[in-house]
C-alpha atoms as a PDB file:
ATOM      1  CA  UNK A   1     -69.575 215.747  53.170  1.00  0.00           C
ATOM      2  CA  UNK A   2     -65.399 216.137  52.892  1.00  0.00           C
ATOM      3  CA  UNK A   3     -65.139 212.950  55.051  1.00  0.00           C
ATOM      4  CA  UNK A   4     -67.672 211.253  52.763  1.00  0.00           C
ATOM      5  CA  UNK A   5     -65.285 212.258  49.737  1.00  0.00           C
ATOM      6  CA  UNK A   6     -62.325 211.425  51.622  1.00  0.00           C
ATOM      7  CA  UNK A   7     -63.871 208.006  52.634  1.00  0.00           C
ATOM      8  CA  UNK A   8     -64.421 206.939  48.893  1.00  0.00           C
ATOM      9  CA  UNK A   9     -60.920 208.217  47.925  1.00  0.00           C
ATOM     10  CA  UNK A  10     -59.039 206.205  50.306  1.00  0.00           C
ATOM     11  CA  UNK A  11     -60.988 203.038  49.501  1.00  0.00           C
ATOM     12  CA  UNK A  12     -60.248 203.831  45.935  1.00  0.00           C
ATOM     13  CA  UNK A  13     -56.482 204.148  46.442  1.00  0.00           C
ATOM     14  CA  UNK A  14     -56.450 200.985  48.193  1.00  0.00           C
ATOM     15  CA  UNK A  15     -58.326 198.818  45.978  1.00  0.00           C
ATOM     16  CA  UNK A  16     -56.153 200.048  43.200  1.00  0.00           C
ATOM     17  CA  UNK A  17     -52.906 201.530  44.006  1.00  0.00           C
ATOM     18  CA  UNK A  18     -51.375 198.082  45.348  1.00  0.00           C
ATOM     19  CA  UNK A  19     -50.974 197.149  42.004  1.00  0.00           C
ATOM     20  CA  UNK A  20     -52.511 193.880  41.462  1.00  0.00           C
ATOM     21  CA  UNK A  21     -54.374 192.599  39.033  1.00  0.00           C
ATOM     22  CA  UNK A  22     -56.764 190.269  39.976  1.00  0.00           C
ATOM     23  CA  UNK A  23     -59.718 188.329  37.375  1.00  0.00           C
ATOM     24  CA  UNK A  24     -61.571 185.181  37.457  1.00  0.00           C
ATOM     25  CA  UNK A  25     -62.653 182.231  35.272  1.00  0.00           C
ATOM     26  CA  UNK A  26     -64.828 179.608  36.142  1.00  0.00           C
ATOM     27  CA  UNK A  27     -61.842 177.715  38.144  1.00  0.00           C
ATOM     28  CA  UNK A  28     -59.752 180.460  39.995  1.00  0.00           C
ATOM     29  CA  UNK A  29     -59.267 184.237  41.466  1.00  0.00           C
ATOM     30  CA  UNK A  30     -56.479 185.182  39.051  1.00  0.00           C
ATOM     31  CA  UNK A  31     -54.174 187.572  40.710  1.00  0.00           C
ATOM     32  CA  UNK A  32     -51.196 188.774  38.435  1.00  0.00           C
ATOM     33  CA  UNK A  33     -51.887 185.913  36.057  1.00  0.00           C
ATOM     34  CA  UNK A  34     -50.998 183.530  39.182  1.00  0.00           C
ATOM     35  CA  UNK A  35     -54.114 181.048  40.211  1.00  0.00           C
ATOM     36  CA  UNK A  36     -54.473 181.101  43.832  1.00  0.00           C
ATOM     37  CA  UNK A  37     -56.915 179.945  46.435  1.00  0.00           C
ATOM     38  CA  UNK A  38     -57.547 182.841  48.727  1.00  0.00           C
ATOM     39  CA  UNK A  39     -57.431 180.958  52.321  1.00  0.00           C
ATOM     40  CA  UNK A  40     -59.053 183.677  54.998  1.00  0.00           C
ATOM     41  CA  UNK A  41     -60.245 184.635  58.235  1.00  0.00           C
ATOM     42  CA  UNK A  42     -61.870 187.090  59.997  1.00  0.00           C
ATOM     43  CA  UNK A  43     -60.572 189.619  62.721  1.00  0.00           C
ATOM     44  CA  UNK A  44     -63.802 192.383  62.875  1.00  0.00           C
ATOM     45  CA  UNK A  45     -61.923 195.423  63.346  1.00  0.00           C
ATOM     46  CA  UNK A  46     -64.244 197.378  65.821  1.00  0.00           C
ATOM     47  CA  UNK A  47     -64.552 194.289  68.601  1.00  0.00           C
ATOM     48  CA  UNK A  48     -60.890 194.308  69.238  1.00  0.00           C
ATOM     49  CA  UNK A  49     -58.355 197.614  69.991  1.00  0.00           C
ATOM     50  CA  UNK A  50     -56.150 199.337  67.559  1.00  0.00           C
ATOM     51  CA  UNK A  51     -53.007 197.931  69.835  1.00  0.00           C
ATOM     52  CA  UNK A  52     -54.315 194.400  69.818  1.00  0.00           C
ATOM     53  CA  UNK A  53     -54.716 194.676  65.450  1.00  0.00           C
ATOM     54  CA  UNK A  54     -51.116 193.885  64.858  1.00  0.00           C
ATOM     55  CA  UNK A  55     -50.745 190.641  66.571  1.00  0.00           C
ATOM     56  CA  UNK A  56     -53.938 189.711  65.332  1.00  0.00           C
ATOM     57  CA  UNK A  57     -52.666 190.332  61.846  1.00  0.00           C
ATOM     58  CA  UNK A  58     -49.461 188.370  62.385  1.00  0.00           C
ATOM     59  CA  UNK A  59     -50.762 185.834  64.097  1.00  0.00           C
ATOM     60  CA  UNK A  60     -53.334 185.344  61.212  1.00  0.00           C
ATOM     61  CA  UNK A  61     -50.393 185.004  58.927  1.00  0.00           C
ATOM     62  CA  UNK A  62     -49.002 183.023  60.849  1.00  0.00           C
ATOM     63  CA  UNK A  63     -51.130 180.662  60.409  1.00  0.00           C
ATOM     64  CA  UNK A  64     -51.317 180.710  56.987  1.00  0.00           C
ATOM     65  CA  UNK A  65     -54.005 182.944  56.141  1.00  0.00           C
ATOM     66  CA  UNK A  66     -53.731 185.015  52.239  1.00  0.00           C
ATOM     67  CA  UNK A  67     -56.582 187.257  53.517  1.00  0.00           C
ATOM     68  CA  UNK A  68     -58.490 188.970  56.229  1.00  0.00           C
ATOM     69  CA  UNK A  69     -62.597 189.090  56.092  1.00  0.00           C
ATOM     70  CA  UNK A  70     -64.480 192.259  58.029  1.00  0.00           C
ATOM     71  CA  UNK A  71     -67.648 193.734  57.594  1.00  0.00           C
ATOM     72  CA  UNK A  72     -67.654 197.905  57.965  1.00  0.00           C
ATOM     73  CA  UNK A  73     -69.951 198.717  60.810  1.00  0.00           C
ATOM     74  CA  UNK A  74     -72.163 201.556  59.349  1.00  0.00           C
ATOM     75  CA  UNK A  75     -74.262 201.410  62.165  1.00  0.00           C
ATOM     76  CA  UNK A  76     -71.389 202.276  64.399  1.00  0.00           C
ATOM     77  CA  UNK A  77     -69.289 204.869  61.637  1.00  0.00           C
ATOM     78  CA  UNK A  78     -72.265 206.659  61.636  1.00  0.00           C
ATOM     79  CA  UNK A  79     -73.975 206.650  64.760  1.00  0.00           C
ATOM     80  CA  UNK A  80     -76.155 209.793  64.097  1.00  0.00           C
ATOM     81  CA  UNK A  81     -77.018 210.725  59.950  1.00  0.00           C
ATOM     82  CA  UNK A  82     -74.231 212.432  58.242  1.00  0.00           C
ATOM     83  CA  UNK A  83     -72.412 212.465  61.660  1.00  0.00           C
ATOM     84  CA  UNK A  84     -69.273 209.882  60.660  1.00  0.00           C
ATOM     85  CA  UNK A  85     -66.370 208.342  63.333  1.00  0.00           C
ATOM     86  CA  UNK A  86     -63.793 206.713  61.662  1.00  0.00           C
ATOM     87  CA  UNK A  87     -61.836 207.117  64.928  1.00  0.00           C
ATOM     88  CA  UNK A  88     -59.755 204.572  67.206  1.00  0.00           C
ATOM     89  CA  UNK A  89     -61.316 201.287  66.649  1.00  0.00           C
ATOM     90  CA  UNK A  90     -63.652 202.606  64.009  1.00  0.00           C
ATOM     91  CA  UNK A  91     -60.120 203.351  61.673  1.00  0.00           C
ATOM     92  CA  UNK A  92     -60.762 200.709  58.865  1.00  0.00           C
ATOM     93  CA  UNK A  93     -58.323 202.706  56.796  1.00  0.00           C
ATOM     94  CA  UNK A  94     -55.257 201.636  59.595  1.00  0.00           C
ATOM     95  CA  UNK A  95     -56.612 198.625  60.052  1.00  0.00           C
ATOM     96  CA  UNK A  96     -56.159 197.717  56.075  1.00  0.00           C
ATOM     97  CA  UNK A  97     -52.812 199.611  56.153  1.00  0.00           C
ATOM     98  CA  UNK A  98     -51.792 196.678  58.445  1.00  0.00           C
ATOM     99  CA  UNK A  99     -53.185 194.213  56.742  1.00  0.00           C
ATOM    100  CA  UNK A 100     -51.348 195.465  53.192  1.00  0.00           C
ATOM    101  CA  UNK A 101     -48.270 195.751  55.413  1.00  0.00           C
ATOM    102  CA  UNK A 102     -47.772 192.619  56.611  1.00  0.00           C
ATOM    103  CA  UNK A 103     -48.937 191.637  52.217  1.00  0.00           C
ATOM    104  CA  UNK A 104     -52.212 190.423  53.294  1.00  0.00           C
ATOM    105  CA  UNK A 105     -55.547 191.101  51.212  1.00  0.00           C
ATOM    106  CA  UNK A 106     -58.410 192.240  52.369  1.00  0.00           C
ATOM    107  CA  UNK A 107     -61.601 190.898  52.011  1.00  0.00           C
ATOM    108  CA  UNK A 108     -64.118 193.834  52.439  1.00  0.00           C
ATOM    109  CA  UNK A 109     -67.875 193.212  53.517  1.00  0.00           C
ATOM    110  CA  UNK A 110     -69.655 196.281  53.097  1.00  0.00           C
ATOM    111  CA  UNK A 111     -73.143 195.182  54.697  1.00  0.00           C
ATOM    112  CA  UNK A 112     -75.225 196.550  55.425  1.00  0.00           C
ATOM    113  CA  UNK A 113     -76.370 193.037  56.863  1.00  0.00           C
ATOM    114  CA  UNK A 114     -73.404 191.946  59.766  1.00  0.00           C
ATOM    115  CA  UNK A 115     -73.485 187.902  60.582  1.00  0.00           C
ATOM    116  CA  UNK A 116     -72.390 187.465  64.412  1.00  0.00           C
ATOM    117  CA  UNK A 117     -69.844 184.483  63.317  1.00  0.00           C
END
């Protein structure tokens, strides 16, 4: 139960502690009062190694992306009921922190369905 509480608290912090004010209207997303078109690309964190993440994120930024889109792979995080794994390449908190440190946004797709695009 503690791990689940930690996960929820961490996600809440990532969502609310970065200080950006995000809203929308019928025309655009508005971030800190500025209308934005967000260009995103997908990096599936468990399909790459932790060592690859910084380079992949930097290449995405260099390519002009504003955000990294990823699924949360719950079948890997909870392989057995109430047995959670957030280690190694499943440490999406570390992955999200690297994205934030690069000045990019995260588009988190919770699932439960994961496409193979």
